[in-house]
Amino acid sequence: MVERQELHELFYNILRKMKKEWMKQLKPGINPSQFLILKNLKHFGAQKANELAEAIQMTPGAITGASDKLVSEGYAERKGAKGDRRVVYLEITDKGDQLMNSMTENQKKVTETFFEGLSDEDINHLIRIYHQISVNLDRQAPPVQTNKNL
């Protein structure tokens, strides 16, 4: 059997270093939680705080606190649901969308540097391995559902 201790250590170190490099791409004043909120809103549309909390594994209270800053900076806005003003959705603004496009592009450029020097064969092996890891992760976690009704 293959000794997995080295795999575990390398995997942890790579994740830590990648996260550090990705976090450098965040706009000053935007923390990782706010980035995740904006990313989720950009990809899935307007959502209630509890939906966001479930999707990005935060508490609704933490979502509210992070959202307050996003709203005050103009990156997101709150809107009442049609037919029931008690239900409030958070929605990304054009300014937030532009910010996400910029940060995402910067993160892609940084990610490309992670794979410099790898041959096409190595890249193909990584793609195959990442697909299998993704399948393994999907089997462990129930799918997250979001409500896009406004």
Protein backbone atom coordinates (compact mmCIF):
# COMPACT_ATOMS: atom_id res chain seq x y z
CA MET A 1 0.00 0.00 0.00
CA VAL A 2 1.19 3.49 -0.82
CA GLU A 3 2.30 5.64 2.10
CA ARG A 4 -0.18 8.51 2.16
CA GLN A 5 1.46 10.74 4.75
CA GLU A 6 3.46 12.59 2.09
CA LEU A 7 0.29 12.99 -0.02
CA HIS A 8 -1.57 14.49 2.94
CA GLU A 9 1.25 16.90 3.74
CA LEU A 10 1.72 18.00 0.14
CA PHE A 11 -2.02 18.43 -0.38
CA TYR A 12 -2.37 20.57 2.77
CA ASN A 13 0.66 22.70 1.86
CA ILE A 14 -0.54 23.23 -1.71
CA LEU A 15 -4.05 24.22 -0.55
CA ARG A 16 -2.61 26.63 1.99
CA LYS A 17 -0.29 28.26 -0.55
CA MET A 18 -3.00 28.45 -3.25
CA LYS A 19 -5.45 30.03 -0.83
CA LYS A 20 -2.84 32.60 0.19
CA GLU A 21 -2.19 33.53 -3.44
CA TRP A 22 -5.92 33.72 -4.28
CA MET A 23 -6.59 35.90 -1.25
CA LYS A 24 -3.97 38.37 -2.47
CA GLN A 25 -6.30 38.98 -5.45
CA LEU A 26 -9.16 40.22 -3.27
CA LYS A 27 -9.84 43.94 -3.40
CA PRO A 28 -8.73 45.68 -0.19
CA GLY A 29 -11.74 45.85 2.10
CA ILE A 30 -13.34 42.68 0.67
CA ASN A 31 -12.86 39.67 2.91
CA PRO A 32 -13.15 36.01 1.84
CA SER A 33 -16.73 35.73 3.17
CA GLN A 34 -17.85 38.76 1.17
CA PHE A 35 -16.11 37.37 -1.90
CA LEU A 36 -17.97 34.06 -1.51
CA ILE A 37 -21.28 35.89 -1.14
CA LEU A 38 -20.68 37.93 -4.29
CA LYS A 39 -19.48 34.87 -6.19
CA ASN A 40 -22.62 32.96 -5.21
CA LEU A 41 -24.89 35.87 -6.14
CA LYS A 42 -23.14 36.25 -9.49
CA HIS A 43 -23.51 32.57 -10.36
CA PHE A 44 -26.95 31.81 -8.91
CA GLY A 45 -28.76 35.15 -8.76
CA ALA A 46 -30.58 36.88 -5.91
CA GLN A 47 -30.98 34.85 -2.73
CA LYS A 48 -32.27 35.08 0.81
CA ALA A 49 -29.75 35.15 3.67
CA ASN A 50 -30.59 31.61 4.78
CA GLU A 51 -30.08 30.30 1.23
CA LEU A 52 -26.70 32.01 1.01
CA ALA A 53 -25.76 30.71 4.45
CA GLU A 54 -26.47 27.14 3.41
CA ALA A 55 -24.72 27.50 0.06
CA ILE A 56 -21.47 28.88 1.48
CA GLN A 57 -21.65 27.24 4.90
CA MET A 58 -21.99 30.34 7.05
CA THR A 59 -24.56 31.31 9.64
CA PRO A 60 -27.41 33.61 8.56
CA GLY A 61 -26.11 36.16 11.09
CA ALA A 62 -22.65 36.11 9.50
CA ILE A 63 -24.27 36.53 6.08
CA THR A 64 -26.18 39.58 7.34
CA GLY A 65 -23.03 41.19 8.74
CA ALA A 66 -20.99 40.56 5.59
CA SER A 67 -23.91 41.66 3.40
CA ASP A 68 -24.27 44.96 5.25
CA LYS A 69 -20.77 45.95 4.13
CA LEU A 70 -21.41 44.83 0.56
CA VAL A 71 -24.61 46.89 0.46
CA SER A 72 -22.95 49.96 1.98
CA GLU A 73 -20.14 49.74 -0.61
CA GLY A 74 -22.64 49.38 -3.46
CA TYR A 75 -21.61 45.83 -4.44
CA ALA A 76 -24.98 44.33 -3.52
CA GLU A 77 -28.50 45.49 -2.74
CA ARG A 78 -31.45 44.17 -0.83
CA LYS A 79 -34.80 43.79 -2.55
CA GLY A 80 -38.17 42.74 -1.21
CA ALA A 81 -39.88 39.80 -2.84
CA LYS A 82 -42.81 40.52 -5.10
CA GLY A 83 -45.98 39.76 -3.20
CA ASP A 84 -44.33 39.48 0.23
CA ARG A 85 -42.22 42.44 1.36
CA ARG A 86 -41.19 40.53 4.49
CA VAL A 87 -38.96 38.31 2.34
CA VAL A 88 -35.71 40.05 1.43
CA TYR A 89 -33.29 38.96 -1.26
CA LEU A 90 -29.68 40.01 -1.67
CA GLU A 91 -28.70 40.75 -5.25
CA ILE A 92 -25.37 41.66 -6.85
CA THR A 93 -25.20 45.13 -8.44
CA ASP A 94 -23.43 46.15 -11.64
CA LYS A 95 -20.58 47.48 -9.47
CA GLY A 96 -20.38 44.13 -7.66
CA ASP A 97 -20.46 42.27 -10.97
CA GLN A 98 -17.56 44.36 -12.29
CA LEU A 99 -15.62 43.73 -9.08
CA MET A 100 -16.21 39.97 -9.37
CA ASN A 101 -15.13 39.94 -13.01
CA SER A 102 -11.90 41.70 -12.11
CA MET A 103 -11.09 39.53 -9.08
CA THR A 104 -12.01 36.32 -10.91
CA GLU A 105 -9.78 37.23 -13.85
CA ASN A 106 -6.90 37.97 -11.47
CA GLN A 107 -7.44 34.65 -9.68
CA LYS A 108 -7.43 32.81 -13.03
CA LYS A 109 -4.09 34.39 -13.92
CA VAL A 110 -2.65 33.38 -10.56
CA THR A 111 -4.03 29.85 -10.95
CA GLU A 112 -2.31 29.54 -14.34
CA THR A 113 1.02 30.16 -12.62
CA PHE A 114 0.40 27.14 -10.36
CA PHE A 115 0.60 24.85 -13.39
CA GLU A 116 3.58 26.43 -15.16
CA GLY A 117 6.21 23.92 -16.19
CA LEU A 118 3.79 20.99 -16.33
CA SER A 119 3.62 19.02 -19.55
CA ASP A 120 0.37 18.43 -21.41
CA GLU A 121 0.51 14.84 -20.18
CA ASP A 122 0.81 16.00 -16.56
CA ILE A 123 -2.09 18.43 -17.05
CA ASN A 124 -4.23 15.62 -18.47
CA HIS A 125 -3.37 13.44 -15.46
CA LEU A 126 -4.33 16.28 -13.11
CA ILE A 127 -7.63 16.79 -14.92
CA ARG A 128 -8.43 13.09 -14.57
CA ILE A 129 -7.45 13.14 -10.89
CA TYR A 130 -9.44 16.33 -10.16
CA HIS A 131 -12.50 14.78 -11.84
CA GLN A 132 -12.23 11.77 -9.54
CA ILE A 133 -11.76 13.97 -6.46
CA SER A 134 -14.83 15.97 -7.51
CA VAL A 135 -16.86 12.77 -7.85
CA ASN A 136 -15.69 11.67 -4.38
CA LEU A 137 -16.68 15.02 -2.89
CA ASP A 138 -20.08 14.99 -4.61
CA ARG A 139 -20.82 11.61 -3.05
CA GLN A 140 -20.14 13.02 0.44
CA ALA A 141 -22.12 16.26 0.31
CA PRO A 142 -25.82 16.66 -0.45
CA PRO A 143 -26.49 19.10 -3.32
CA VAL A 144 -27.20 22.70 -2.35
CA GLN A 145 -30.52 24.03 -3.59
CA THR A 146 -31.16 27.69 -4.15
CA ASN A 147 -34.40 29.57 -4.66
CA LYS A 148 -34.19 32.07 -7.48
CA ASN A 149 -37.75 33.34 -7.22
CA LEU A 150 -38.11 37.08 -6.68
